[in-house]
Amino acid sequence: MKKHNKPVGQWSQRIPLWFLRNPSLSLKNPLGSLRLSKGLIILILLFIVSCKTVPTGTVVKAPDLLNNKKNFYISIPSSADPELIEFLIKNNIENISESDVKEIVSRIDRAYAGLNADNKNPKLQLAIDSNIPVKYIPKILTKKNGWEVKEYTGNTSQTKYGVFTQQDITLAFPSDKLTLLGEDVEGMLSKYDQIHAIPAEESLGLTYEDLDELTYSQITESSSEIRFITNKPETFLLMLTGQKLTLQLNTVRGSFVCDPKNSNQYILDFIFDFKNVKAAKAGKIMLGFAFGLADGDDNSLKETEVKIEGIKLSKKQLYDILSL
């Protein structure tokens, strides 16, 4: 018997007291221990299976929600010009306090907008990368401030989304990471619902944007500058220069950055895409008169493209375009 005293002491030091005090789990009842093991295994298996049967929805990107019915698209990183983001909020949300504007701007990463620069249908459509908790919204968009709230039910998932309206302004927040504003918010919600309902593993390598490849890449490639593109270049140039330039153009695209020497203006770079090489050569001369000399050869450009850099534009001019 003495030969067994030491081993028993060793076992007692290794086994927790709660285990020894429970007769159903003691070493004298190995079946109890077996039942516990089986129970734990079953619980673990159920947990794993349940995790696998609840797939993660596809992450929806803000620019994917813009429709392709506009002729001017722009992306505005908040870091590039917070004042422009503030302008868009104040211009589209009435009676919002200055403190609420500042709070919202601090939670916005980048805004993507589409509008018609020819003024036929000037209303903005905005899809914004943001970090605004949905629960925070009803505290700002209240009935006292003139907002009405209704529900929109997604056709794909049957999820209910809050839609906030004030006169002709409409807002929605399908998630904490997205804000939708302006024209056809329900259309953007419908597309969000369709995309998000797709399991993430089924959407790998797929794209869901309605915009053409050039437009989409132009407004999404840079996160440090304001990017734009228009397929109604003559109208856009008339707004910028006050001159009616007759040019054979397909598109004008470019970027804005804040002028470090003047807080009230931007510095612009343009790329003009002409319909053919002959038109590009003639257009380069006309653009030289309108904006100053065009840059020299750029190997990244096509034969039909002309690039002009360093054009100064007052912020008010851009604000006027975005508030048509």
Protein backbone atom coordinates (compact mmCIF):
# COMPACT_ATOMS: atom_id res chain seq x y z
CA MET A 1 0.00 0.00 0.00
CA LYS A 2 2.82 2.39 0.76
CA LYS A 3 4.01 2.03 -2.79
CA HIS A 4 0.80 3.69 -3.94
CA ASN A 5 0.78 6.61 -1.49
CA LYS A 6 3.18 8.79 -3.45
CA PRO A 7 1.54 8.36 -6.83
CA VAL A 8 -1.87 9.18 -5.32
CA GLY A 9 -0.40 12.37 -3.85
CA GLN A 10 1.01 13.33 -7.20
CA TRP A 11 -2.35 12.86 -8.93
CA SER A 12 -4.15 14.86 -6.26
CA GLN A 13 -1.83 17.81 -6.87
CA ARG A 14 -2.53 17.77 -10.58
CA ILE A 15 -6.32 17.40 -10.47
CA PRO A 16 -8.43 20.49 -9.57
CA LEU A 17 -10.41 20.27 -6.32
CA TRP A 18 -13.74 20.85 -8.10
CA PHE A 19 -13.04 17.71 -10.13
CA LEU A 20 -12.30 15.57 -7.06
CA ARG A 21 -15.30 16.86 -5.14
CA ASN A 22 -17.74 15.97 -7.90
CA PRO A 23 -18.43 12.21 -7.65
CA SER A 24 -19.83 12.05 -11.14
CA LEU A 25 -16.54 13.33 -12.53
CA SER A 26 -14.07 11.58 -10.20
CA LEU A 27 -11.58 8.98 -11.23
CA LYS A 28 -13.86 6.37 -9.65
CA ASN A 29 -16.42 7.16 -12.33
CA PRO A 30 -14.58 7.17 -15.65
CA LEU A 31 -17.92 6.98 -17.51
CA GLY A 32 -18.84 10.42 -16.13
CA SER A 33 -15.62 11.80 -17.52
CA LEU A 34 -16.37 10.10 -20.83
CA ARG A 35 -19.84 11.65 -20.89
CA LEU A 36 -18.31 15.08 -20.24
CA SER A 37 -15.85 14.60 -23.08
CA LYS A 38 -18.59 13.54 -25.48
CA GLY A 39 -20.73 16.50 -24.41
CA LEU A 40 -17.89 18.93 -24.98
CA ILE A 41 -17.13 17.43 -28.35
CA ILE A 42 -20.76 17.71 -29.42
CA LEU A 43 -20.93 21.34 -28.29
CA ILE A 44 -17.73 22.19 -30.16
CA LEU A 45 -18.95 20.48 -33.33
CA LEU A 46 -22.28 22.29 -33.14
CA PHE A 47 -20.46 25.59 -32.70
CA ILE A 48 -18.24 24.94 -35.72
CA VAL A 49 -21.15 23.86 -37.88
CA SER A 50 -23.25 26.85 -36.86
CA CYS A 51 -20.37 29.20 -37.76
CA LYS A 52 -20.08 27.67 -41.19
CA THR A 53 -23.80 27.97 -41.92
CA VAL A 54 -23.87 31.72 -41.28
CA PRO A 55 -21.78 33.15 -44.15
CA THR A 56 -20.39 36.67 -44.03
CA GLY A 57 -22.03 39.04 -46.47
CA THR A 58 -20.05 40.74 -49.24
CA VAL A 59 -18.55 44.07 -48.23
CA VAL A 60 -20.18 46.79 -50.32
CA LYS A 61 -18.02 49.60 -51.71
CA ALA A 62 -19.48 53.10 -51.85
CA PRO A 63 -18.69 53.84 -55.55
CA ASP A 64 -20.38 50.56 -56.54
CA LEU A 65 -23.71 52.13 -55.56
CA LEU A 66 -23.57 55.11 -57.93
CA ASN A 67 -25.67 54.73 -61.07
CA ASN A 68 -24.30 55.40 -64.56
CA LYS A 69 -26.87 58.04 -65.50
CA LYS A 70 -24.71 61.06 -64.63
CA ASN A 71 -22.18 62.90 -66.78
CA PHE A 72 -19.87 64.22 -64.04
CA TYR A 73 -18.35 62.10 -61.26
CA ILE A 74 -16.08 63.22 -58.46
CA SER A 75 -14.43 61.63 -55.41
CA ILE A 76 -13.49 63.74 -52.41
CA PRO A 77 -11.24 62.35 -49.68
CA SER A 78 -12.00 64.17 -46.44
CA SER A 79 -8.27 64.54 -45.81
CA ALA A 80 -7.86 66.38 -49.13
CA ASP A 81 -10.35 69.13 -48.26
CA PRO A 82 -12.57 68.83 -45.16
CA GLU A 83 -14.16 72.19 -46.03
CA LEU A 84 -15.60 70.75 -49.23
CA ILE A 85 -17.17 67.87 -47.30
CA GLU A 86 -18.64 70.41 -44.87
CA PHE A 87 -20.07 72.35 -47.81
CA LEU A 88 -21.76 69.25 -49.22
CA ILE A 89 -23.34 68.42 -45.85
CA LYS A 90 -24.59 71.95 -45.19
CA ASN A 91 -25.85 72.29 -48.74
CA ASN A 92 -27.88 69.09 -48.51
CA ILE A 93 -29.01 68.97 -44.86
CA GLU A 94 -30.99 71.91 -43.55
CA ASN A 95 -30.97 73.06 -39.93
CA ILE A 96 -27.97 70.94 -39.00
CA SER A 97 -25.86 72.41 -36.23
CA GLU A 98 -22.23 73.34 -36.71
CA SER A 99 -21.16 70.86 -34.04
CA ASP A 100 -23.03 68.02 -35.81
CA VAL A 101 -21.40 68.98 -39.11
CA LYS A 102 -17.95 68.81 -37.52
CA GLU A 103 -18.77 65.45 -35.91
CA ILE A 104 -19.98 63.97 -39.22
CA VAL A 105 -16.99 65.29 -41.18
CA SER A 106 -14.63 63.69 -38.65
CA ARG A 107 -16.30 60.35 -39.41
CA ILE A 108 -16.13 60.57 -43.22
CA ASP A 109 -13.31 58.98 -45.19
CA ARG A 110 -14.25 59.71 -48.79
CA ALA A 111 -17.34 60.93 -50.65
CA TYR A 112 -18.23 59.79 -54.17
CA ALA A 113 -20.70 61.91 -56.12
CA GLY A 114 -22.41 61.92 -59.49
CA LEU A 115 -24.36 64.78 -61.09
CA ASN A 116 -25.33 66.15 -64.46
CA ALA A 117 -23.13 69.12 -65.27
CA ASP A 118 -25.45 70.23 -68.10
CA ASN A 119 -28.11 71.13 -65.50
CA LYS A 120 -30.79 68.87 -67.04
CA ASN A 121 -31.01 66.84 -63.85
CA PRO A 122 -28.66 68.59 -61.43
CA LYS A 123 -29.41 66.66 -58.26
CA LEU A 124 -26.41 65.02 -56.61
CA GLN A 125 -26.15 61.34 -55.90
CA LEU A 126 -23.71 60.71 -53.05
CA ALA A 127 -22.28 57.46 -51.68
CA ILE A 128 -19.90 58.02 -48.78
CA ASP A 129 -17.32 55.87 -47.00
CA SER A 130 -17.94 56.75 -43.38
CA ASN A 131 -17.82 55.57 -39.80
CA ILE A 132 -21.15 56.76 -38.41
CA PRO A 133 -22.94 54.38 -36.03
CA VAL A 134 -26.50 53.92 -37.25
CA LYS A 135 -27.78 54.40 -33.69
CA TYR A 136 -26.25 57.90 -33.72
CA ILE A 137 -28.37 59.11 -36.67
CA PRO A 138 -31.82 59.48 -35.01
CA LYS A 139 -30.27 61.90 -32.53
CA ILE A 140 -29.41 64.27 -35.39
CA LEU A 141 -32.13 63.67 -37.98
CA THR A 142 -35.08 64.31 -35.68
CA LYS A 143 -38.70 65.31 -36.33
CA LYS A 144 -37.93 68.51 -34.46
CA ASN A 145 -35.40 69.32 -37.19
CA GLY A 146 -37.94 68.58 -39.90
CA TRP A 147 -37.01 64.99 -40.77
CA GLU A 148 -39.43 62.19 -41.56
CA VAL A 149 -38.43 58.56 -41.16
CA LYS A 150 -39.71 55.62 -43.15
CA GLU A 151 -38.55 52.07 -43.76
CA TYR A 152 -37.28 50.55 -46.97
CA THR A 153 -37.29 46.75 -47.19
CA GLY A 154 -34.59 45.14 -49.31
CA ASN A 155 -36.06 42.80 -51.91
CA THR A 156 -33.21 40.31 -51.62
CA SER A 157 -32.70 39.94 -47.86
CA GLN A 158 -35.93 41.50 -46.55
CA THR A 159 -33.74 43.66 -44.29
CA LYS A 160 -35.36 46.93 -43.21
CA TYR A 161 -33.39 50.16 -43.68
CA GLY A 162 -34.22 53.58 -42.27
CA VAL A 163 -34.74 56.32 -44.86
CA PHE A 164 -34.68 59.94 -43.67
CA THR A 165 -36.33 62.67 -45.75
CA GLN A 166 -36.57 66.44 -45.47
CA GLN A 167 -38.29 68.22 -48.35
CA ASP A 168 -36.33 67.03 -51.40
CA ILE A 169 -33.35 65.65 -49.43
CA THR A 170 -33.08 61.91 -48.74
CA LEU A 171 -30.55 60.10 -46.54
CA ALA A 172 -29.93 56.48 -45.60
CA PHE A 173 -27.33 54.57 -43.58
CA PRO A 174 -27.35 50.90 -44.64
CA SER A 175 -24.39 50.21 -42.35
CA ASP A 176 -22.05 52.00 -39.98
CA LYS A 177 -19.59 52.29 -42.88
CA LEU A 178 -21.83 53.79 -45.58
CA THR A 179 -23.91 56.94 -45.98
CA LEU A 180 -26.22 57.47 -48.97
CA LEU A 181 -27.56 60.89 -49.88
CA GLY A 182 -29.41 62.69 -52.64
CA GLU A 183 -31.01 61.21 -55.71
CA ASP A 184 -32.32 57.64 -55.90
CA VAL A 185 -31.33 56.60 -52.38
CA GLU A 186 -33.76 53.69 -52.52
CA GLY A 187 -32.09 52.49 -55.72
CA MET A 188 -28.72 52.55 -53.95
CA LEU A 189 -30.24 50.72 -50.96
CA SER A 190 -31.64 48.06 -53.29
CA LYS A 191 -28.22 47.48 -54.85
CA TYR A 192 -26.55 47.46 -51.42
CA ASP A 193 -29.03 44.82 -50.27
CA GLN A 194 -28.39 42.66 -53.36
CA ILE A 195 -24.59 42.79 -53.04
CA HIS A 196 -24.43 42.38 -49.26
CA ALA A 197 -26.70 39.33 -49.43
CA ILE A 198 -24.06 37.49 -51.49
CA PRO A 199 -21.79 35.34 -49.26
CA ALA A 200 -18.30 36.84 -49.22
CA GLU A 201 -16.64 33.64 -50.44
CA GLU A 202 -18.87 33.68 -53.54
CA SER A 203 -17.93 37.23 -54.53
CA LEU A 204 -14.13 36.87 -54.57
CA GLY A 205 -12.75 38.41 -57.76
CA LEU A 206 -16.11 39.84 -58.80
CA THR A 207 -17.02 43.51 -59.30
CA TYR A 208 -20.42 45.13 -58.99
CA GLU A 209 -20.04 48.72 -60.23
CA ASP A 210 -22.39 50.21 -62.83
CA LEU A 211 -19.83 52.81 -63.93
CA ASP A 212 -17.57 52.17 -66.91
CA GLU A 213 -14.00 51.08 -66.21
CA LEU A 214 -12.36 54.46 -66.94
CA THR A 215 -14.78 56.40 -64.72
CA TYR A 216 -14.54 53.90 -61.87
CA SER A 217 -10.75 53.76 -61.88
CA GLN A 218 -10.45 57.55 -62.13
CA ILE A 219 -12.48 58.23 -58.98
CA THR A 220 -11.13 55.34 -56.90
CA GLU A 221 -7.39 55.18 -57.61
CA SER A 222 -6.19 58.05 -55.39
CA SER A 223 -7.00 58.65 -51.73
CA SER A 224 -5.02 61.88 -51.38
CA GLU A 225 -6.53 64.14 -54.05
CA ILE A 226 -9.95 65.11 -55.39
CA ARG A 227 -10.56 63.21 -58.63
CA PHE A 228 -13.14 63.93 -61.34
CA ILE A 229 -14.22 62.85 -64.82
CA THR A 230 -16.91 64.09 -67.21
CA ASN A 231 -18.24 62.89 -70.55
CA LYS A 232 -19.84 66.32 -71.13
CA PRO A 233 -16.55 68.22 -71.30
CA GLU A 234 -17.76 71.29 -73.21
CA THR A 235 -20.35 72.11 -70.54
CA PHE A 236 -17.82 71.53 -67.77
CA LEU A 237 -15.21 73.74 -69.47
CA LEU A 238 -17.79 76.49 -69.97
CA MET A 239 -18.43 76.48 -66.22
CA LEU A 240 -14.72 76.64 -65.45
CA THR A 241 -13.56 79.19 -68.02
CA GLY A 242 -16.68 81.13 -68.99
CA GLN A 243 -15.72 80.39 -72.59
CA LYS A 244 -17.53 78.13 -75.03
CA LEU A 245 -14.77 75.92 -76.39
CA THR A 246 -15.70 73.88 -79.45
CA LEU A 247 -13.50 70.81 -79.08
CA GLN A 248 -13.96 67.25 -80.28
CA LEU A 249 -13.66 65.62 -76.86
CA ASN A 250 -14.69 62.28 -75.43
CA THR A 251 -13.89 63.02 -71.79
CA VAL A 252 -12.03 65.36 -69.49
CA ARG A 253 -10.58 63.91 -66.30
CA GLY A 254 -8.26 65.27 -63.70
CA SER A 255 -7.50 66.07 -60.10
CA PHE A 256 -7.71 68.92 -57.59
CA VAL A 257 -5.42 69.63 -54.67
CA CYS A 258 -5.62 72.56 -52.27
CA ASP A 259 -3.20 75.34 -53.11
CA PRO A 260 -0.68 75.44 -50.24
CA LYS A 261 -0.18 79.17 -50.90
CA ASN A 262 -3.86 80.13 -51.06
CA SER A 263 -6.49 78.41 -48.92
CA ASN A 264 -9.29 79.70 -51.18
CA GLN A 265 -8.24 77.93 -54.36
CA TYR A 266 -7.31 74.62 -55.92
CA ILE A 267 -4.57 73.59 -58.31
CA LEU A 268 -5.89 71.41 -61.12
CA ASP A 269 -4.37 68.89 -63.51
CA PHE A 270 -6.39 68.01 -66.62
CA ILE A 271 -6.24 65.21 -69.18
CA PHE A 272 -8.30 65.93 -72.30
CA ASP A 273 -9.22 62.88 -74.39
CA PHE A 274 -10.03 63.87 -77.98
CA LYS A 275 -11.99 61.87 -80.55
CA ASN A 276 -8.97 61.47 -82.82
CA VAL A 277 -5.31 62.48 -83.21
CA LYS A 278 -6.08 65.37 -85.58
CA ALA A 279 -8.54 66.84 -83.12
CA ALA A 280 -5.98 66.43 -80.31
CA LYS A 281 -3.36 68.45 -82.20
CA ALA A 282 -5.79 71.28 -82.94
CA GLY A 283 -7.26 71.12 -79.46
CA LYS A 284 -3.85 71.42 -77.83
CA ILE A 285 -3.43 74.83 -79.46
CA MET A 286 -6.87 76.02 -78.34
CA LEU A 287 -6.30 74.77 -74.79
CA GLY A 288 -3.01 76.62 -74.74
CA PHE A 289 -4.89 79.87 -75.30
CA ALA A 290 -7.58 79.02 -72.72
CA PHE A 291 -5.38 77.66 -69.92
CA GLY A 292 -1.78 78.34 -70.80
CA LEU A 293 0.75 76.12 -72.54
CA ALA A 294 0.13 72.39 -72.39
CA ASP A 295 2.81 70.14 -70.96
CA GLY A 296 5.27 68.31 -73.13
CA ASP A 297 5.06 64.68 -74.13
CA ASP A 298 3.90 62.24 -71.48
CA ASN A 299 4.53 58.58 -72.17
CA SER A 300 1.55 57.58 -70.05
CA LEU A 301 -0.86 59.37 -72.38
CA LYS A 302 -2.50 58.12 -75.55
CA GLU A 303 -2.02 59.94 -78.87
CA THR A 304 -5.48 61.41 -78.50
CA GLU A 305 -4.81 62.84 -75.03
CA VAL A 306 -3.47 66.22 -73.94
CA LYS A 307 -2.40 67.01 -70.39
CA ILE A 308 -2.38 70.44 -68.75
CA GLU A 309 -1.12 70.95 -65.21
CA GLY A 310 -1.06 73.66 -62.57
CA ILE A 311 -4.32 75.45 -63.43
CA LYS A 312 -5.62 77.57 -60.55
CA LEU A 313 -9.33 77.47 -59.71
CA SER A 314 -11.17 79.24 -56.92
CA LYS A 315 -12.94 76.91 -54.50
CA LYS A 316 -16.16 78.83 -55.12
CA GLN A 317 -16.15 77.71 -58.76
CA LEU A 318 -16.11 74.06 -57.76
CA TYR A 319 -18.70 74.66 -55.03
CA ASP A 320 -20.97 76.28 -57.63
CA ILE A 321 -20.69 73.22 -59.87
CA LEU A 322 -21.55 70.86 -56.98
CA SER A 323 -24.55 72.96 -55.90
CA LEU A 324 -26.29 73.18 -59.27
